[in-house]
C-alpha atoms as a PDB file:
ATOM      1  CA  UNK A   1      -1.462  12.007 -10.355  1.00  0.00           C
ATOM      2  CA  UNK A   2       0.776  11.980  -7.275  1.00  0.00           C
ATOM      3  CA  UNK A   3      -1.006   8.916  -5.897  1.00  0.00           C
ATOM      4  CA  UNK A   4      -0.667   7.158  -9.249  1.00  0.00           C
ATOM      5  CA  UNK A   5       3.051   7.993  -9.370  1.00  0.00           C
ATOM      6  CA  UNK A   6       3.572   6.618  -5.843  1.00  0.00           C
ATOM      7  CA  UNK A   7       1.600   3.486  -6.726  1.00  0.00           C
ATOM      8  CA  UNK A   8       3.624   3.014  -9.913  1.00  0.00           C
ATOM      9  CA  UNK A   9       6.914   3.368  -8.000  1.00  0.00           C
ATOM     10  CA  UNK A  10       5.875   0.928  -5.256  1.00  0.00           C
ATOM     11  CA  UNK A  11       4.565  -1.540  -7.813  1.00  0.00           C
ATOM     12  CA  UNK A  12       7.848  -1.351  -9.713  1.00  0.00           C
ATOM     13  CA  UNK A  13       9.843  -1.967  -6.530  1.00  0.00           C
ATOM     14  CA  UNK A  14       7.619  -4.920  -5.647  1.00  0.00           C
ATOM     15  CA  UNK A  15       8.045  -6.408  -9.124  1.00  0.00           C
ATOM     16  CA  UNK A  16      11.830  -6.122  -8.853  1.00  0.00           C
ATOM     17  CA  UNK A  17      11.774  -7.773  -5.440  1.00  0.00           C
ATOM     18  CA  UNK A  18       9.584 -10.638  -6.677  1.00  0.00           C
ATOM     19  CA  UNK A  19      11.794 -11.070  -9.752  1.00  0.00           C
ATOM     20  CA  UNK A  20      14.927 -11.219  -7.580  1.00  0.00           C
ATOM     21  CA  UNK A  21      13.354 -13.697  -5.172  1.00  0.00           C
ATOM     22  CA  UNK A  22      12.180 -15.905  -8.049  1.00  0.00           C
ATOM     23  CA  UNK A  23      15.554 -15.823  -9.735  1.00  0.00           C
ATOM     24  CA  UNK A  24      17.458 -16.678  -6.543  1.00  0.00           C
ATOM     25  CA  UNK A  25      15.011 -19.438  -5.596  1.00  0.00           C
ATOM     26  CA  UNK A  26      15.333 -21.098  -9.009  1.00  0.00           C
ATOM     27  CA  UNK A  27      19.154 -20.944  -9.060  1.00  0.00           C
ATOM     28  CA  UNK A  28      19.925 -21.238  -5.362  1.00  0.00           C
ATOM     29  CA  UNK A  29      21.706 -24.626  -5.808  1.00  0.00           C
ATOM     30  CA  UNK A  30      23.408 -23.729  -9.084  1.00  0.00           C
ATOM     31  CA  UNK A  31      26.802 -23.041  -7.474  1.00  0.00           C
ATOM     32  CA  UNK A  32      26.593 -26.219  -5.398  1.00  0.00           C
ATOM     33  CA  UNK A  33      25.859 -28.337  -8.465  1.00  0.00           C
ATOM     34  CA  UNK A  34      28.706 -26.790 -10.435  1.00  0.00           C
ATOM     35  CA  UNK A  35      31.108 -27.249  -7.539  1.00  0.00           C
ATOM     36  CA  UNK A  36      30.085 -30.906  -7.273  1.00  0.00           C
ATOM     37  CA  UNK A  37      29.996 -31.778 -10.979  1.00  0.00           C
ATOM     38  CA  UNK A  38      33.101 -29.906 -12.179  1.00  0.00           C
ATOM     39  CA  UNK A  39      36.314 -31.890 -11.699  1.00  0.00           C
ATOM     40  CA  UNK A  40      38.483 -28.821 -11.152  1.00  0.00           C
ATOM     41  CA  UNK A  41      36.386 -27.844  -8.157  1.00  0.00           C
ATOM     42  CA  UNK A  42      35.301 -31.220  -6.829  1.00  0.00           C
ATOM     43  CA  UNK A  43      38.898 -32.525  -6.610  1.00  0.00           C
ATOM     44  CA  UNK A  44      40.269 -29.284  -5.252  1.00  0.00           C
ATOM     45  CA  UNK A  45      42.464 -28.599  -8.267  1.00  0.00           C
ATOM     46  CA  UNK A  46      42.551 -24.874  -8.656  1.00  0.00           C
ATOM     47  CA  UNK A  47      44.075 -24.021 -11.989  1.00  0.00           C
ATOM     48  CA  UNK A  48      42.929 -20.414 -12.267  1.00  0.00           C
ATOM     49  CA  UNK A  49      43.404 -20.340 -16.028  1.00  0.00           C
ATOM     50  CA  UNK A  50      41.221 -23.422 -16.381  1.00  0.00           C
ATOM     51  CA  UNK A  51      38.632 -21.917 -14.077  1.00  0.00           C
ATOM     52  CA  UNK A  52      38.682 -18.696 -16.061  1.00  0.00           C
ATOM     53  CA  UNK A  53      38.061 -20.620 -19.297  1.00  0.00           C
ATOM     54  CA  UNK A  54      35.310 -22.602 -17.588  1.00  0.00           C
ATOM     55  CA  UNK A  55      33.672 -19.427 -16.340  1.00  0.00           C
ATOM     56  CA  UNK A  56      33.894 -17.918 -19.821  1.00  0.00           C
ATOM     57  CA  UNK A  57      32.224 -20.965 -21.366  1.00  0.00           C
ATOM     58  CA  UNK A  58      29.478 -20.967 -18.764  1.00  0.00           C
ATOM     59  CA  UNK A  59      28.854 -17.234 -19.300  1.00  0.00           C
ATOM     60  CA  UNK A  60      28.562 -17.824 -23.043  1.00  0.00           C
ATOM     61  CA  UNK A  61      25.990 -20.518 -22.391  1.00  0.00           C
ATOM     62  CA  UNK A  62      24.240 -18.468 -19.718  1.00  0.00           C
ATOM     63  CA  UNK A  63      24.866 -14.722 -20.193  1.00  0.00           C
ATOM     64  CA  UNK A  64      22.565 -14.131 -17.242  1.00  0.00           C
ATOM     65  CA  UNK A  65      25.306 -15.312 -14.828  1.00  0.00           C
ATOM     66  CA  UNK A  66      28.727 -14.086 -13.695  1.00  0.00           C
ATOM     67  CA  UNK A  67      31.138 -16.534 -12.044  1.00  0.00           C
ATOM     68  CA  UNK A  68      33.779 -15.766  -9.408  1.00  0.00           C
ATOM     69  CA  UNK A  69      36.020 -17.899  -7.243  1.00  0.00           C
ATOM     70  CA  UNK A  70      36.718 -16.453  -3.779  1.00  0.00           C
ATOM     71  CA  UNK A  71      39.231 -17.470  -1.137  1.00  0.00           C
ATOM     72  CA  UNK A  72      38.017 -18.167   2.448  1.00  0.00           C
ATOM     73  CA  UNK A  73      38.337 -14.467   3.315  1.00  0.00           C
ATOM     74  CA  UNK A  74      36.203 -13.275   0.370  1.00  0.00           C
ATOM     75  CA  UNK A  75      39.078 -12.166  -1.871  1.00  0.00           C
ATOM     76  CA  UNK A  76      38.308 -12.563  -5.560  1.00  0.00           C
ATOM     77  CA  UNK A  77      40.841 -15.001  -7.020  1.00  0.00           C
ATOM     78  CA  UNK A  78      39.634 -15.549 -10.568  1.00  0.00           C
ATOM     79  CA  UNK A  79      36.848 -14.607 -12.944  1.00  0.00           C
ATOM     80  CA  UNK A  80      36.102 -14.159 -16.635  1.00  0.00           C
ATOM     81  CA  UNK A  81      35.698 -10.515 -17.551  1.00  0.00           C
ATOM     82  CA  UNK A  82      37.383  -7.785 -19.542  1.00  0.00           C
ATOM     83  CA  UNK A  83      40.093  -5.762 -17.847  1.00  0.00           C
ATOM     84  CA  UNK A  84      38.700  -3.061 -15.618  1.00  0.00           C
ATOM     85  CA  UNK A  85      35.204  -4.560 -15.416  1.00  0.00           C
ATOM     86  CA  UNK A  86      35.601  -5.918 -11.887  1.00  0.00           C
ATOM     87  CA  UNK A  87      35.751  -3.051  -9.384  1.00  0.00           C
ATOM     88  CA  UNK A  88      35.954  -4.957  -6.097  1.00  0.00           C
ATOM     89  CA  UNK A  89      38.799  -7.066  -4.777  1.00  0.00           C
ATOM     90  CA  UNK A  90      36.808  -8.591  -1.922  1.00  0.00           C
ATOM     91  CA  UNK A  91      33.228  -9.707  -1.354  1.00  0.00           C
ATOM     92  CA  UNK A  92      31.474  -9.512   1.999  1.00  0.00           C
ATOM     93  CA  UNK A  93      30.984 -13.074   3.213  1.00  0.00           C
ATOM     94  CA  UNK A  94      28.155 -12.341   5.665  1.00  0.00           C
ATOM     95  CA  UNK A  95      25.257 -12.691   3.174  1.00  0.00           C
ATOM     96  CA  UNK A  96      27.022 -15.680   1.579  1.00  0.00           C
ATOM     97  CA  UNK A  97      27.159 -17.552   4.882  1.00  0.00           C
ATOM     98  CA  UNK A  98      23.487 -16.709   5.546  1.00  0.00           C
ATOM     99  CA  UNK A  99      22.517 -18.387   2.256  1.00  0.00           C
ATOM    100  CA  UNK A 100      24.809 -21.383   2.877  1.00  0.00           C
ATOM    101  CA  UNK A 101      23.373 -21.835   6.367  1.00  0.00           C
ATOM    102  CA  UNK A 102      19.840 -21.184   5.076  1.00  0.00           C
ATOM    103  CA  UNK A 103      19.342 -18.744   7.932  1.00  0.00           C
ATOM    104  CA  UNK A 104      17.686 -15.865   6.067  1.00  0.00           C
ATOM    105  CA  UNK A 105      14.549 -15.529   3.943  1.00  0.00           C
ATOM    106  CA  UNK A 106      15.044 -14.922   0.256  1.00  0.00           C
ATOM    107  CA  UNK A 107      15.960 -12.763  -1.492  1.00  0.00           C
ATOM    108  CA  UNK A 108      19.434 -12.192  -0.023  1.00  0.00           C
ATOM    109  CA  UNK A 109      21.626  -9.634  -1.770  1.00  0.00           C
ATOM    110  CA  UNK A 110      25.394  -9.803  -1.963  1.00  0.00           C
ATOM    111  CA  UNK A 111      28.165  -7.551  -3.264  1.00  0.00           C
ATOM    112  CA  UNK A 112      28.359  -7.073  -7.016  1.00  0.00           C
ATOM    113  CA  UNK A 113      32.058  -7.328  -7.947  1.00  0.00           C
ATOM    114  CA  UNK A 114      31.474  -5.098 -10.984  1.00  0.00           C
ATOM    115  CA  UNK A 115      30.050  -2.230  -8.940  1.00  0.00           C
ATOM    116  CA  UNK A 116      31.330  -0.755  -5.676  1.00  0.00           C
ATOM    117  CA  UNK A 117      27.838   0.059  -4.435  1.00  0.00           C
ATOM    118  CA  UNK A 118      25.437  -2.390  -6.079  1.00  0.00           C
ATOM    119  CA  UNK A 119      23.922  -5.472  -4.453  1.00  0.00           C
ATOM    120  CA  UNK A 120      22.554  -8.447  -6.360  1.00  0.00           C
ATOM    121  CA  UNK A 121      21.052 -11.850  -5.722  1.00  0.00           C
ATOM    122  CA  UNK A 122      23.491 -14.728  -6.000  1.00  0.00           C
ATOM    123  CA  UNK A 123      24.154 -18.442  -5.649  1.00  0.00           C
ATOM    124  CA  UNK A 124      27.107 -19.641  -3.584  1.00  0.00           C
ATOM    125  CA  UNK A 125      28.705 -22.916  -2.587  1.00  0.00           C
ATOM    126  CA  UNK A 126      31.751 -23.634  -0.411  1.00  0.00           C
ATOM    127  CA  UNK A 127      34.609 -25.572  -2.019  1.00  0.00           C
ATOM    128  CA  UNK A 128      36.537 -28.065   0.107  1.00  0.00           C
ATOM    129  CA  UNK A 129      39.702 -30.115  -0.297  1.00  0.00           C
ATOM    130  CA  UNK A 130      40.300 -32.861   2.246  1.00  0.00           C
ATOM    131  CA  UNK A 131      37.595 -31.340   4.435  1.00  0.00           C
ATOM    132  CA  UNK A 132      39.496 -28.057   4.369  1.00  0.00           C
ATOM    133  CA  UNK A 133      37.672 -24.953   3.113  1.00  0.00           C
ATOM    134  CA  UNK A 134      39.464 -23.683   0.014  1.00  0.00           C
ATOM    135  CA  UNK A 135      37.075 -20.943  -1.007  1.00  0.00           C
ATOM    136  CA  UNK A 136      33.658 -20.199  -2.473  1.00  0.00           C
ATOM    137  CA  UNK A 137      32.106 -20.450  -5.896  1.00  0.00           C
ATOM    138  CA  UNK A 138      30.178 -17.199  -6.140  1.00  0.00           C
ATOM    139  CA  UNK A 139      27.650 -16.728  -8.948  1.00  0.00           C
ATOM    140  CA  UNK A 140      25.892 -13.423  -9.579  1.00  0.00           C
ATOM    141  CA  UNK A 141      22.365 -14.016 -10.888  1.00  0.00           C
ATOM    142  CA  UNK A 142      21.479 -11.310 -13.336  1.00  0.00           C
ATOM    143  CA  UNK A 143      24.843  -9.956 -14.407  1.00  0.00           C
ATOM    144  CA  UNK A 144      25.837  -6.916 -16.400  1.00  0.00           C
ATOM    145  CA  UNK A 145      24.544  -8.278 -19.720  1.00  0.00           C
ATOM    146  CA  UNK A 146      21.248  -9.154 -18.085  1.00  0.00           C
ATOM    147  CA  UNK A 147      20.971  -5.668 -16.559  1.00  0.00           C
ATOM    148  CA  UNK A 148      21.694  -3.926 -19.865  1.00  0.00           C
ATOM    149  CA  UNK A 149      19.057  -6.044 -21.622  1.00  0.00           C
ATOM    150  CA  UNK A 150      16.499  -5.439 -18.886  1.00  0.00           C
ATOM    151  CA  UNK A 151      17.230  -1.693 -18.875  1.00  0.00           C
ATOM    152  CA  UNK A 152      16.795  -1.402 -22.644  1.00  0.00           C
ATOM    153  CA  UNK A 153      13.498  -3.285 -22.494  1.00  0.00           C
ATOM    154  CA  UNK A 154      12.371  -1.400 -19.399  1.00  0.00           C
ATOM    155  CA  UNK A 155      13.038   1.958 -21.019  1.00  0.00           C
ATOM    156  CA  UNK A 156      10.661   1.195 -23.886  1.00  0.00           C
ATOM    157  CA  UNK A 157       8.142  -0.255 -21.457  1.00  0.00           C
ATOM    158  CA  UNK A 158       8.496   2.781 -19.199  1.00  0.00           C
ATOM    159  CA  UNK A 159       7.807   5.014 -22.188  1.00  0.00           C
ATOM    160  CA  UNK A 160       4.597   3.119 -22.909  1.00  0.00           C
ATOM    161  CA  UNK A 161       3.602   3.143 -19.256  1.00  0.00           C
ATOM    162  CA  UNK A 162       4.341   6.866 -19.040  1.00  0.00           C
ATOM    163  CA  UNK A 163       2.203   7.508 -22.109  1.00  0.00           C
ATOM    164  CA  UNK A 164      -0.653   5.457 -20.635  1.00  0.00           C
ATOM    165  CA  UNK A 165      -0.163   7.252 -17.310  1.00  0.00           C
ATOM    166  CA  UNK A 166      -0.350  10.704 -18.936  1.00  0.00           C
ATOM    167  CA  UNK A 167      -3.412   9.791 -21.015  1.00  0.00           C
ATOM    168  CA  UNK A 168      -5.146   8.258 -17.991  1.00  0.00           C
ATOM    169  CA  UNK A 169      -4.357  11.335 -15.919  1.00  0.00           C
ATOM    170  CA  UNK A 170      -5.748  13.658 -18.590  1.00  0.00           C
ATOM    171  CA  UNK A 171      -8.922  11.578 -18.931  1.00  0.00           C
ATOM    172  CA  UNK A 172      -9.341  11.545 -15.149  1.00  0.00           C
ATOM    173  CA  UNK A 173      -8.740  15.301 -15.029  1.00  0.00           C
ATOM    174  CA  UNK A 174     -11.304  15.884 -17.788  1.00  0.00           C
ATOM    175  CA  UNK A 175     -13.909  13.775 -15.988  1.00  0.00           C
ATOM    176  CA  UNK A 176     -13.171  15.555 -12.700  1.00  0.00           C
ATOM    177  CA  UNK A 177     -13.533  18.957 -14.397  1.00  0.00           C
ATOM    178  CA  UNK A 178     -16.828  17.909 -15.993  1.00  0.00           C
ATOM    179  CA  UNK A 179     -18.168  16.713 -12.649  1.00  0.00           C
ATOM    180  CA  UNK A 180     -16.978  19.909 -10.961  1.00  0.00           C
ATOM    181  CA  UNK A 181     -18.503  22.033 -13.742  1.00  0.00           C
ATOM    182  CA  UNK A 182     -21.790  20.162 -13.365  1.00  0.00           C
ATOM    183  CA  UNK A 183     -21.707  20.634  -9.599  1.00  0.00           C
ATOM    184  CA  UNK A 184     -21.032  24.363  -9.898  1.00  0.00           C
ATOM    185  CA  UNK A 185     -23.586  25.061 -12.634  1.00  0.00           C
ATOM    186  CA  UNK A 186     -26.452  22.949 -11.249  1.00  0.00           C
ATOM    187  CA  UNK A 187     -27.795  25.758  -8.956  1.00  0.00           C
ATOM    188  CA  UNK A 188     -27.454  28.267 -11.805  1.00  0.00           C
ATOM    189  CA  UNK A 189     -29.418  25.969 -14.116  1.00  0.00           C
ATOM    190  CA  UNK A 190     -32.108  25.682 -11.420  1.00  0.00           C
ATOM    191  CA  UNK A 191     -32.348  29.483 -11.169  1.00  0.00           C
ATOM    192  CA  UNK A 192     -32.602  29.787 -14.949  1.00  0.00           C
ATOM    193  CA  UNK A 193     -35.401  27.191 -14.935  1.00  0.00           C
ATOM    194  CA  UNK A 194     -37.350  29.157 -12.295  1.00  0.00           C
ATOM    195  CA  UNK A 195     -36.986  32.360 -14.322  1.00  0.00           C
ATOM    196  CA  UNK A 196     -38.204  30.545 -17.443  1.00  0.00           C
ATOM    197  CA  UNK A 197     -41.288  29.316 -15.523  1.00  0.00           C
ATOM    198  CA  UNK A 198     -41.975  32.863 -14.396  1.00  0.00           C
ATOM    199  CA  UNK A 199     -41.647  34.120 -17.983  1.00  0.00           C
ATOM    200  CA  UNK A 200     -43.960  31.408 -19.352  1.00  0.00           C
ATOM    201  CA  UNK A 201     -46.589  32.465 -16.799  1.00  0.00           C
ATOM    202  CA  UNK A 202     -46.456  35.943 -18.360  1.00  0.00           C
ATOM    203  CA  UNK A 203     -44.951  37.307 -15.131  1.00  0.00           C
ATOM    204  CA  UNK A 204     -48.086  36.503 -13.170  1.00  0.00           C
ATOM    205  CA  UNK A 205     -48.557  34.324 -10.126  1.00  0.00           C
ATOM    206  CA  UNK A 206     -45.823  31.710 -10.371  1.00  0.00           C
ATOM    207  CA  UNK A 207     -44.484  31.421  -6.838  1.00  0.00           C
ATOM    208  CA  UNK A 208     -46.258  28.070  -6.533  1.00  0.00           C
ATOM    209  CA  UNK A 209     -44.151  26.766  -9.402  1.00  0.00           C
ATOM    210  CA  UNK A 210     -40.942  27.109  -7.333  1.00  0.00           C
ATOM    211  CA  UNK A 211     -40.127  24.178  -5.082  1.00  0.00           C
ATOM    212  CA  UNK A 212     -40.299  25.013  -1.412  1.00  0.00           C
ATOM    213  CA  UNK A 213     -36.917  24.842   0.293  1.00  0.00           C
ATOM    214  CA  UNK A 214     -35.078  24.744  -3.002  1.00  0.00           C
ATOM    215  CA  UNK A 215     -32.961  27.752  -2.101  1.00  0.00           C
ATOM    216  CA  UNK A 216     -31.127  27.883   1.232  1.00  0.00           C
ATOM    217  CA  UNK A 217     -30.818  31.258   2.892  1.00  0.00           C
ATOM    218  CA  UNK A 218     -27.951  30.137   5.133  1.00  0.00           C
ATOM    219  CA  UNK A 219     -25.851  28.946   2.198  1.00  0.00           C
ATOM    220  CA  UNK A 220     -22.548  30.578   1.235  1.00  0.00           C
ATOM    221  CA  UNK A 221     -23.302  29.841  -2.397  1.00  0.00           C
ATOM    222  CA  UNK A 222     -24.082  33.049  -4.242  1.00  0.00           C
ATOM    223  CA  UNK A 223     -26.541  31.226  -6.527  1.00  0.00           C
ATOM    224  CA  UNK A 224     -28.602  30.072  -3.540  1.00  0.00           C
ATOM    225  CA  UNK A 225     -28.644  33.609  -2.174  1.00  0.00           C
ATOM    226  CA  UNK A 226     -29.664  34.924  -5.582  1.00  0.00           C
ATOM    227  CA  UNK A 227     -32.413  32.277  -5.741  1.00  0.00           C
ATOM    228  CA  UNK A 228     -33.723  33.440  -2.351  1.00  0.00           C
ATOM    229  CA  UNK A 229     -33.735  37.045  -3.594  1.00  0.00           C
ATOM    230  CA  UNK A 230     -35.612  35.952  -6.722  1.00  0.00           C
ATOM    231  CA  UNK A 231     -38.189  34.094  -4.574  1.00  0.00           C
ATOM    232  CA  UNK A 232     -38.636  37.177  -2.371  1.00  0.00           C
ATOM    233  CA  UNK A 233     -39.076  39.278  -5.486  1.00  0.00           C
ATOM    234  CA  UNK A 234     -41.789  36.926  -6.751  1.00  0.00           C
ATOM    235  CA  UNK A 235     -43.575  37.048  -3.392  1.00  0.00           C
ATOM    236  CA  UNK A 236     -43.460  40.844  -3.455  1.00  0.00           C
ATOM    237  CA  UNK A 237     -44.738  40.942  -7.036  1.00  0.00           C
ATOM    238  CA  UNK A 238     -47.548  38.537  -6.153  1.00  0.00           C
ATOM    239  CA  UNK A 239     -48.489  40.677  -3.149  1.00  0.00           C
ATOM    240  CA  UNK A 240     -48.580  43.811  -5.295  1.00  0.00           C
ATOM    241  CA  UNK A 241     -50.575  41.975  -7.933  1.00  0.00           C
ATOM    242  CA  UNK A 242     -53.120  40.912  -5.297  1.00  0.00           C
ATOM    243  CA  UNK A 243     -53.320  44.458  -3.999  1.00  0.00           C
ATOM    244  CA  UNK A 244     -53.876  45.791  -7.524  1.00  0.00           C
ATOM    245  CA  UNK A 245     -56.652  43.244  -8.072  1.00  0.00           C
ATOM    246  CA  UNK A 246     -58.279  44.296  -4.784  1.00  0.00           C
ATOM    247  CA  UNK A 247     -58.016  47.986  -5.699  1.00  0.00           C
ATOM    248  CA  UNK A 248     -59.539  47.294  -9.109  1.00  0.00           C
ATOM    249  CA  UNK A 249     -62.384  45.354  -7.459  1.00  0.00           C
ATOM    250  CA  UNK A 250     -62.998  48.227  -5.008  1.00  0.00           C
ATOM    251  CA  UNK A 251     -62.958  50.717  -7.891  1.00  0.00           C
ATOM    252  CA  UNK A 252     -65.545  48.721  -9.785  1.00  0.00           C
ATOM    253  CA  UNK A 253     -67.759  48.480  -6.680  1.00  0.00           C
ATOM    254  CA  UNK A 254     -67.430  52.239  -6.088  1.00  0.00           C
ATOM    255  CA  UNK A 255     -68.324  53.047  -9.670  1.00  0.00           C
ATOM    256  CA  UNK A 256     -71.325  50.733  -9.501  1.00  0.00           C
ATOM    257  CA  UNK A 257     -72.525  52.393  -6.279  1.00  0.00           C
ATOM    258  CA  UNK A 258     -72.041  55.902  -7.720  1.00  0.00           C
ATOM    259  CA  UNK A 259     -73.843  54.922 -10.880  1.00  0.00           C
ATOM    260  CA  UNK A 260     -76.768  53.572  -8.886  1.00  0.00           C
ATOM    261  CA  UNK A 261     -76.891  56.614  -6.610  1.00  0.00           C
ATOM    262  CA  UNK A 262     -76.842  59.094  -9.515  1.00  0.00           C
ATOM    263  CA  UNK A 263     -79.208  57.198 -11.803  1.00  0.00           C
ATOM    264  CA  UNK A 264     -82.409  57.855  -9.713  1.00  0.00           C
ATOM    265  CA  UNK A 265     -82.153  61.699  -9.326  1.00  0.00           C
ATOM    266  CA  UNK A 266     -81.056  62.090 -12.935  1.00  0.00           C
ATOM    267  CA  UNK A 267     -84.038  60.084 -14.104  1.00  0.00           C
ATOM    268  CA  UNK A 268     -86.419  62.232 -11.968  1.00  0.00           C
ATOM    269  CA  UNK A 269     -84.793  65.420 -13.244  1.00  0.00           C
ATOM    270  CA  UNK A 270     -85.099  64.205 -16.828  1.00  0.00           C
ATOM    271  CA  UNK A 271     -88.860  63.524 -16.250  1.00  0.00           C
ATOM    272  CA  UNK A 272     -89.476  67.030 -14.921  1.00  0.00           C
ATOM    273  CA  UNK A 273     -87.648  68.596 -17.847  1.00  0.00           C
ATOM    274  CA  UNK A 274     -89.616  66.554 -20.372  1.00  0.00           C
ATOM    275  CA  UNK A 275     -92.894  67.594 -18.605  1.00  0.00           C
ATOM    276  CA  UNK A 276     -91.953  71.278 -18.829  1.00  0.00           C
ATOM    277  CA  UNK A 277     -91.061  70.886 -22.487  1.00  0.00           C
ATOM    278  CA  UNK A 278     -94.454  69.281 -23.203  1.00  0.00           C
ATOM    279  CA  UNK A 279     -96.330  72.060 -21.383  1.00  0.00           C
ATOM    280  CA  UNK A 280     -94.405  74.686 -23.346  1.00  0.00           C
ATOM    281  CA  UNK A 281     -92.857  76.192 -20.308  1.00  0.00           C
ATOM    282  CA  UNK A 282     -89.455  75.724 -21.775  1.00  0.00           C
ATOM    283  CA  UNK A 283     -88.443  75.265 -25.325  1.00  0.00           C
END
């Protein structure tokens, strides 16, 4: 479960990075095109009210973007947003110049004017008047509206992913427990099978029915040690059974010898007695 959680987190970070890179690559020249095509910017006429209305119109058409006009030092001069939405007064120009000079691999993250700590991908273009730098058109790609929409969709998706994650973890845990249970009970099932063989043989010679080397005497498994004790018990029972059979055979031989040795004198004695009875010596 920990490995799955780490994988899910890394995969989520990678998806965000790929999404940011894709978004910045697709809209990298957006600011440059707007600065070139818009008369207020291309002619160097900076009516901040007009720019604010322009930015508002563009944000209505593309709620994914936020537009800002910066002076050459990075100070935010105008924008279209409700009062109190913009938290920063300046934007760090270092990442902006890296994108303008094309000196850094994408994605490049810049300051988010609506958050003192956040960084976002952007599009930027310098604005000139008579070859004199007047400022920068700074466009945040994936603004506040975009983030709120993504977060609402991501929350429902995260719930589904979490549900799938929990179910997958439980299924994996169940399979692991079944495998572990099978591994732990396999020696016990083998011992039960050997005992059943011994019982079916009516507790007679059955040591040959047990596989040689099946039970390991050097094992730390109690079932293996119990199996060795059971095998020793069978060997001892077989030895005693053999001894009993030998004793019974010796007893039968002894009785046969005694019967043979006693039969001849008894027969002679019986003949003498019958002779005396016939002669009337005894009655």
